[in-house]
Amino acid sequence: METTELTEKLLGLRREEYRGAQTIAVYSDTPAEFRALVGGTGAYDLGWRTKLLVTGRDRIRWLNGMITNNVRDLPVGQGAYSFLLTPQGRVLGDLNVYNRGDFLVIDTDQSQSENLVSILRRYIIMDQVEIANAGKWAAIGLAGPKSPEVLGRIGISHSELKPLALMDGSWHDSGLIIVRGDLPKVLSYEIWMDPAILSRLWQELVNASALPAASKAVELFRIACGVPRYGADIRERDLPQETEQFRALHYTKGCYIGQEIVERIRSRGAVHRKFTGFRITGPVPPPGSKAQAEGKEIAEITSAASLPTATGEIAVALGYVRREAGATGKEIAFGEARVTVADLPFAEVFATTKEQ
């Protein structure tokens, strides 16, 4: 398992596996790091992501026929979130794809990249397409309402980027790319750069008041935002519409792998279950916990966390619920825990959590 570039430079801190890479688990205090991401500015290592370059004359037509979102009409400098499906319409992985003009960039978790590349290459038949690892691109994430101020303090222009839009920039005579994130409720950015400037840029962000946030805080932040993670909340057995990630689907772009199933679900009616949030009172059920009613499974928890807000901890979970039992505010029994169906993201976390 690869150790991220930033982790290699920061010695003496506890490490853990996160999304396919060895990362720093905690910098100083996980609750403070979480609160910075939600209510101030947190900086975090994105070395657990990997980037693939898609080149060749047929790249746009070919990738448009592989994934669920529209690549054909993607403007230069814009990205889109998408799924790769089986022919039976099940989710094999998720990714962001960016149009860079002369090539496409696929950005995904390291834990998914090897499998996705293997699958994609099997479908290159007579197409003039090549997929290659982009090499050592370092990346730092920045999240929180004060993120634009921090970027400004260190001299990085980010313009008025739309979600998943990117722009080329420079910093101390080195080129870099600034990407606007698409997280709900909170501003977020990614900075892609040459590893040679990673340590210096990280330190300047910290000096400009960004608090370092390690993987444990980043995972809490992901759950608070209601963003599903492939391998935990989205699995190969799941259908795209069950995940509620409709931003990954484009219904009029034409054929792609699994498109017939996606269209059949759209035209004939909704799936039986949906991805949702849960508020928890009592012991937090671990991922994998299931609830039943009248001998039928009605809910499942896939991720759970106690979120450290300024007013106290809020126990929440992500998972799936059958639609007939999934109205917001509906209570479901998970053993001794009282679990209430909640809208995503968990808006009360962002309303009550301020940087301390």
Protein backbone atom coordinates (compact mmCIF):
# COMPACT_ATOMS: atom_id res chain seq x y z
CA MET A 1 0.00 0.00 0.00
CA GLU A 2 1.39 3.37 -1.02
CA THR A 3 2.19 5.99 1.60
CA THR A 4 1.06 9.46 0.60
CA GLU A 5 3.71 12.03 -0.25
CA LEU A 6 2.75 14.27 2.66
CA THR A 7 2.71 11.38 5.13
CA GLU A 8 6.29 10.51 4.17
CA LYS A 9 7.38 14.05 5.02
CA LEU A 10 5.55 14.28 8.37
CA LEU A 11 7.37 11.92 10.71
CA GLY A 12 6.39 10.87 14.20
CA LEU A 13 2.61 10.96 13.72
CA ARG A 14 0.28 7.96 13.92
CA ARG A 15 -0.68 6.52 10.57
CA GLU A 16 -3.63 4.51 9.29
CA GLU A 17 -4.95 3.09 6.03
CA TYR A 18 -7.48 5.41 4.46
CA ARG A 19 -9.11 4.77 1.09
CA GLY A 20 -6.21 2.76 -0.23
CA ALA A 21 -3.21 4.71 1.14
CA GLN A 22 -1.23 5.14 4.33
CA THR A 23 -2.12 8.54 5.79
CA ILE A 24 -1.78 10.53 9.02
CA ALA A 25 -4.61 9.50 11.37
CA VAL A 26 -4.55 12.46 13.80
CA TYR A 27 -2.46 15.64 13.80
CA SER A 28 -3.35 17.04 17.20
CA ASP A 29 -7.03 16.79 18.15
CA THR A 30 -9.68 15.17 15.95
CA PRO A 31 -12.65 17.24 17.27
CA ALA A 32 -10.76 20.50 16.63
CA GLU A 33 -9.74 19.32 13.18
CA PHE A 34 -13.35 18.43 12.37
CA ARG A 35 -14.65 21.79 13.59
CA ALA A 36 -12.11 23.58 11.40
CA LEU A 37 -13.36 21.75 8.31
CA VAL A 38 -16.97 22.63 9.13
CA GLY A 39 -16.71 26.11 10.57
CA GLY A 40 -13.28 27.55 9.75
CA THR A 41 -10.63 26.21 7.39
CA GLY A 42 -9.09 22.77 7.48
CA ALA A 43 -6.27 21.57 5.20
CA TYR A 44 -5.99 17.87 4.47
CA ASP A 45 -3.85 15.46 2.51
CA LEU A 46 -5.43 14.17 -0.71
CA GLY A 47 -2.71 11.63 -1.41
CA TRP A 48 -5.31 8.85 -1.12
CA ARG A 49 -6.71 10.01 -4.45
CA THR A 50 -5.10 9.02 -7.73
CA LYS A 51 -5.31 10.56 -11.19
CA LEU A 52 -5.45 8.82 -14.55
CA LEU A 53 -4.89 10.46 -17.93
CA VAL A 54 -7.13 9.42 -20.82
CA THR A 55 -5.67 10.37 -24.20
CA GLY A 56 -6.21 9.51 -27.85
CA ARG A 57 -8.45 10.66 -30.66
CA ASP A 58 -11.48 8.65 -29.47
CA ARG A 59 -11.18 9.45 -25.76
CA ILE A 60 -14.37 11.53 -25.43
CA ARG A 61 -16.64 9.26 -27.45
CA TRP A 62 -15.21 6.17 -25.77
CA LEU A 63 -15.43 7.38 -22.15
CA ASN A 64 -18.90 8.80 -22.79
CA GLY A 65 -19.96 5.26 -23.63
CA MET A 66 -18.41 3.85 -20.47
CA ILE A 67 -19.68 5.96 -17.56
CA THR A 68 -23.02 7.32 -16.40
CA ASN A 69 -22.44 11.07 -16.80
CA ASN A 70 -22.07 13.21 -19.91
CA VAL A 71 -18.48 13.46 -21.13
CA ARG A 72 -19.38 14.41 -24.70
CA ASP A 73 -20.67 17.87 -23.72
CA LEU A 74 -18.34 18.51 -20.78
CA PRO A 75 -16.76 21.96 -21.26
CA VAL A 76 -13.00 22.36 -21.06
CA GLY A 77 -12.12 23.14 -17.46
CA GLN A 78 -15.18 21.43 -16.02
CA GLY A 79 -15.57 18.14 -14.18
CA ALA A 80 -18.43 15.75 -13.48
CA TYR A 81 -19.09 13.04 -10.91
CA SER A 82 -19.93 9.65 -12.39
CA PHE A 83 -20.34 5.92 -11.88
CA LEU A 84 -18.96 2.96 -13.78
CA LEU A 85 -21.56 0.19 -13.90
CA THR A 86 -21.81 -3.49 -14.68
CA PRO A 87 -24.00 -4.47 -17.67
CA GLN A 88 -26.62 -5.31 -15.03
CA GLY A 89 -26.55 -1.72 -13.78
CA ARG A 90 -24.68 -2.31 -10.50
CA VAL A 91 -22.07 0.21 -9.33
CA LEU A 92 -18.45 -0.87 -9.94
CA GLY A 93 -16.92 2.41 -8.80
CA ASP A 94 -17.22 6.18 -8.72
CA LEU A 95 -14.97 8.92 -10.05
CA ASN A 96 -14.66 12.53 -11.13
CA VAL A 97 -13.79 13.15 -14.77
CA TYR A 98 -12.33 16.49 -15.91
CA ASN A 99 -12.00 17.83 -19.46
CA ARG A 100 -8.53 19.33 -19.88
CA GLY A 101 -8.86 19.96 -23.62
CA ASP A 102 -6.22 17.65 -25.09
CA PHE A 103 -6.90 14.93 -22.54
CA LEU A 104 -9.28 13.81 -19.80
CA VAL A 105 -8.39 13.32 -16.14
CA ILE A 106 -10.07 10.62 -14.05
CA ASP A 107 -9.77 11.24 -10.31
CA THR A 108 -10.70 8.44 -7.88
CA ASP A 109 -9.69 6.75 -4.63
CA GLN A 110 -6.49 4.71 -4.70
CA SER A 111 -8.52 1.77 -3.36
CA GLN A 112 -10.54 1.77 -6.59
CA SER A 113 -8.00 2.75 -9.22
CA GLU A 114 -6.47 -0.64 -10.09
CA ASN A 115 -9.86 -2.30 -10.57
CA LEU A 116 -11.29 0.63 -12.56
CA VAL A 117 -8.28 0.73 -14.90
CA SER A 118 -8.49 -3.01 -15.49
CA ILE A 119 -12.19 -2.80 -16.36
CA LEU A 120 -11.84 0.27 -18.57
CA ARG A 121 -8.95 -1.19 -20.55
CA ARG A 122 -10.96 -4.32 -21.35
CA TYR A 123 -13.38 -2.12 -23.28
CA ILE A 124 -10.73 -0.50 -25.50
CA ILE A 125 -11.22 -2.56 -28.64
CA MET A 126 -10.59 -0.64 -31.89
CA ASP A 127 -10.57 2.75 -30.17
CA GLN A 128 -7.63 5.11 -30.22
CA VAL A 129 -7.54 5.53 -26.44
CA GLU A 130 -4.81 5.20 -23.86
CA ILE A 131 -5.14 5.20 -20.06
CA ALA A 132 -2.06 5.99 -18.00
CA ASN A 133 -1.32 6.90 -14.43
CA ALA A 134 -0.72 10.63 -14.16
CA GLY A 135 2.34 10.01 -12.01
CA LYS A 136 3.26 11.87 -8.86
CA TRP A 137 0.70 14.63 -8.66
CA ALA A 138 0.48 15.86 -5.08
CA ALA A 139 -2.85 17.25 -3.88
CA ILE A 140 -4.11 19.14 -0.84
CA GLY A 141 -7.74 19.67 0.11
CA LEU A 142 -9.09 22.79 1.80
CA ALA A 143 -12.56 23.00 3.34
CA GLY A 144 -14.55 25.43 5.43
CA PRO A 145 -16.25 28.79 5.00
CA LYS A 146 -12.96 30.68 5.44
CA SER A 147 -11.13 28.73 2.72
CA PRO A 148 -11.24 31.54 0.12
CA GLU A 149 -9.60 33.91 2.63
CA VAL A 150 -6.79 31.43 3.30
CA LEU A 151 -6.16 30.94 -0.42
CA GLY A 152 -6.04 34.70 -0.86
CA ARG A 153 -3.53 35.13 1.97
CA ILE A 154 -1.00 32.86 0.26
CA GLY A 155 -1.56 34.42 -3.16
CA ILE A 156 -3.61 31.72 -4.90
CA SER A 157 -6.36 33.09 -7.13
CA HIS A 158 -9.43 30.87 -7.36
CA SER A 159 -11.81 33.17 -9.26
CA GLU A 160 -15.51 32.28 -9.04
CA LEU A 161 -15.21 28.62 -9.91
CA LYS A 162 -18.34 26.50 -10.21
CA PRO A 163 -18.46 23.14 -8.41
CA LEU A 164 -16.00 20.68 -10.02
CA ALA A 165 -14.57 23.41 -12.25
CA LEU A 166 -10.80 23.83 -12.37
CA MET A 167 -8.33 26.48 -13.43
CA ASP A 168 -4.58 26.67 -13.97
CA GLY A 169 -2.63 28.91 -11.67
CA SER A 170 0.86 29.56 -10.40
CA TRP A 171 2.46 29.91 -7.01
CA HIS A 172 6.06 31.06 -6.50
CA ASP A 173 6.80 30.35 -10.18
CA SER A 174 5.40 26.81 -9.97
CA GLY A 175 2.32 25.73 -11.89
CA LEU A 176 -0.67 24.27 -10.07
CA ILE A 177 -4.35 23.53 -10.62
CA ILE A 178 -7.16 24.79 -8.38
CA VAL A 179 -10.37 22.73 -8.30
CA ARG A 180 -13.63 23.82 -6.66
CA GLY A 181 -15.19 20.97 -4.69
CA ASP A 182 -18.86 20.04 -4.85
CA LEU A 183 -19.55 19.36 -1.17
CA PRO A 184 -22.97 20.50 0.08
CA LYS A 185 -23.22 23.13 2.83
CA VAL A 186 -19.51 24.10 2.87
CA LEU A 187 -16.91 25.54 0.51
CA SER A 188 -14.10 23.21 -0.49
CA TYR A 189 -11.14 23.29 -2.87
CA GLU A 190 -8.40 21.01 -4.13
CA ILE A 191 -4.91 22.13 -5.10
CA TRP A 192 -3.02 19.84 -7.49
CA MET A 193 0.72 20.45 -7.73
CA ASP A 194 4.20 19.13 -8.33
CA PRO A 195 5.35 17.19 -5.23
CA ALA A 196 8.43 19.45 -5.11
CA ILE A 197 6.33 22.31 -3.67
CA LEU A 198 4.04 20.19 -1.48
CA SER A 199 5.78 20.78 1.86
CA ARG A 200 6.18 24.52 1.31
CA LEU A 201 2.58 25.00 0.21
CA TRP A 202 1.29 22.94 3.14
CA GLN A 203 3.28 25.03 5.60
CA GLU A 204 2.11 28.31 4.09
CA LEU A 205 -1.53 27.17 4.32
CA VAL A 206 -0.97 26.35 7.98
CA ASN A 207 0.73 29.71 8.54
CA ALA A 208 -2.29 31.37 6.91
CA SER A 209 -4.54 29.82 9.63
CA ALA A 210 -5.64 26.55 7.96
CA LEU A 211 -5.69 23.84 10.62
CA PRO A 212 -4.19 20.49 9.52
CA ALA A 213 -6.95 17.85 9.46
CA ALA A 214 -6.01 14.17 9.36
CA SER A 215 -7.94 11.21 8.00
CA LYS A 216 -10.07 10.58 11.11
CA ALA A 217 -11.40 14.14 10.99
CA VAL A 218 -11.82 13.97 7.20
CA GLU A 219 -13.91 10.81 7.59
CA LEU A 220 -16.15 12.49 10.17
CA PHE A 221 -16.49 15.45 7.81
CA ARG A 222 -17.47 13.15 4.93
CA ILE A 223 -20.22 11.61 7.03
CA ALA A 224 -21.47 15.02 8.19
CA CYS A 225 -21.71 16.09 4.54
CA GLY A 226 -23.67 12.94 3.71
CA VAL A 227 -21.23 11.88 0.99
CA PRO A 228 -21.20 8.11 0.38
CA ARG A 229 -17.86 6.33 0.05
CA TYR A 230 -17.40 3.52 -2.44
CA GLY A 231 -16.57 0.30 -0.64
CA ALA A 232 -18.47 1.36 2.49
CA ASP A 233 -21.74 3.07 1.54
CA ILE A 234 -21.81 2.16 -2.16
CA ARG A 235 -21.07 -1.43 -3.12
CA GLU A 236 -21.25 -3.48 -6.28
CA ARG A 237 -24.67 -4.80 -5.29
CA ASP A 238 -26.14 -1.28 -5.28
CA LEU A 239 -28.04 0.36 -8.14
CA PRO A 240 -27.26 4.01 -9.01
CA GLN A 241 -30.69 5.35 -8.08
CA GLU A 242 -30.54 3.62 -4.70
CA THR A 243 -27.51 5.75 -3.80
CA GLU A 244 -29.48 8.99 -4.35
CA GLN A 245 -26.44 10.41 -6.20
CA PHE A 246 -28.47 11.69 -9.14
CA ARG A 247 -25.72 14.17 -10.03
CA ALA A 248 -23.85 11.13 -11.38
CA LEU A 249 -26.57 10.30 -13.92
CA HIS A 250 -27.35 11.83 -17.32
CA TYR A 251 -30.49 10.42 -18.92
CA THR A 252 -30.22 11.81 -22.47
CA LYS A 253 -26.54 11.43 -23.38
CA GLY A 254 -26.91 8.09 -25.18
CA CYS A 255 -25.78 4.54 -24.52
CA TYR A 256 -23.25 3.44 -21.90
CA ILE A 257 -22.62 0.26 -19.95
CA GLY A 258 -25.64 -0.44 -17.71
CA GLN A 259 -27.70 2.35 -19.31
CA GLU A 260 -30.64 0.06 -20.12
CA ILE A 261 -31.15 -0.79 -16.44
CA VAL A 262 -30.81 2.84 -15.35
CA GLU A 263 -33.40 3.92 -17.93
CA ARG A 264 -35.75 1.07 -17.04
CA ILE A 265 -35.72 2.16 -13.39
CA ARG A 266 -36.33 5.79 -14.39
CA SER A 267 -39.23 5.01 -16.71
CA ARG A 268 -40.98 2.31 -14.68
CA GLY A 269 -40.70 3.64 -11.17
CA ALA A 270 -38.41 4.15 -8.21
CA VAL A 271 -36.18 1.54 -6.59
CA HIS A 272 -37.34 -0.02 -3.33
CA ARG A 273 -34.71 1.55 -1.07
CA LYS A 274 -32.68 4.74 -0.89
CA PHE A 275 -29.51 6.14 0.66
CA THR A 276 -30.25 8.39 3.63
CA GLY A 277 -29.05 9.81 6.92
CA PHE A 278 -29.98 8.69 10.43
CA ARG A 279 -29.95 10.57 13.75
CA ILE A 280 -29.21 8.26 16.67
CA THR A 281 -30.17 8.31 20.34
CA GLY A 282 -28.54 5.64 22.47
CA PRO A 283 -25.72 3.28 21.50
CA VAL A 284 -24.46 3.85 17.97
CA PRO A 285 -25.08 0.73 15.85
CA PRO A 286 -21.92 -0.31 13.97
CA PRO A 287 -21.77 -0.41 10.16
CA GLY A 288 -23.49 -3.51 8.88
CA SER A 289 -26.33 -3.28 11.41
CA LYS A 290 -29.76 -3.99 9.97
CA ALA A 291 -33.29 -3.36 11.16
CA GLN A 292 -36.28 -5.54 10.43
CA ALA A 293 -40.04 -5.13 10.65
CA GLU A 294 -42.57 -7.90 10.06
CA GLY A 295 -39.78 -10.24 9.02
CA LYS A 296 -38.48 -7.88 6.31
CA GLU A 297 -35.25 -5.86 6.28
CA ILE A 298 -36.17 -2.19 6.24
CA ALA A 299 -32.90 -0.38 7.00
CA GLU A 300 -29.13 -0.83 7.02
CA ILE A 301 -26.31 1.28 8.46
CA THR A 302 -23.16 1.61 6.33
CA SER A 303 -21.22 4.39 8.16
CA ALA A 304 -21.64 5.79 11.66
CA ALA A 305 -20.00 8.51 13.73
CA SER A 306 -20.31 10.79 16.72
CA LEU A 307 -19.75 14.29 15.37
CA PRO A 308 -18.05 16.72 17.82
CA THR A 309 -19.96 19.98 17.41
CA ALA A 310 -19.65 23.10 19.53
CA THR A 311 -22.85 22.17 21.41
CA GLY A 312 -21.91 18.57 22.06
CA GLU A 313 -21.62 15.31 20.17
CA ILE A 314 -24.27 14.37 17.62
CA ALA A 315 -24.54 10.67 16.80
CA VAL A 316 -25.37 10.05 13.16
CA ALA A 317 -25.15 7.37 10.51
CA LEU A 318 -25.44 6.84 6.78
CA GLY A 319 -27.20 3.92 5.20
CA TYR A 320 -30.22 2.66 3.32
CA VAL A 321 -33.91 2.53 4.14
CA ARG A 322 -36.89 1.07 2.30
CA ARG A 323 -38.88 3.88 0.74
CA GLU A 324 -42.11 3.04 2.54
CA ALA A 325 -40.26 3.45 5.86
CA GLY A 326 -38.02 6.31 4.77
CA ALA A 327 -39.96 9.48 5.51
CA THR A 328 -37.89 12.13 7.29
CA GLY A 329 -38.49 11.83 11.04
CA LYS A 330 -39.55 8.20 10.89
CA GLU A 331 -38.23 6.18 13.85
CA ILE A 332 -36.67 2.76 13.28
CA ALA A 333 -35.53 0.36 16.01
CA PHE A 334 -31.92 -0.84 15.79
CA GLY A 335 -31.69 -2.90 18.98
CA GLU A 336 -31.54 -0.50 21.93
CA ALA A 337 -30.86 2.53 19.73
CA ARG A 338 -33.56 4.95 18.62
CA VAL A 339 -32.76 5.81 15.01
CA THR A 340 -34.57 8.56 13.12
CA VAL A 341 -34.45 9.02 9.36
CA ALA A 342 -32.79 12.38 8.57
CA ASP A 343 -32.16 14.48 5.49
CA LEU A 344 -28.62 14.79 4.13
CA PRO A 345 -26.38 16.59 4.74
CA PHE A 346 -26.83 16.93 8.50
CA ALA A 347 -27.65 20.64 8.38
CA GLU A 348 -27.68 21.09 12.16
CA VAL A 349 -23.98 20.18 12.30
CA PHE A 350 -23.08 23.08 10.01
CA ALA A 351 -25.45 25.43 11.84
CA THR A 352 -24.01 24.76 15.30
CA THR A 353 -20.35 23.96 14.64
CA LYS A 354 -17.92 26.88 14.69
CA GLU A 355 -14.16 26.81 14.64
CA GLN A 356 -12.69 27.02 18.11
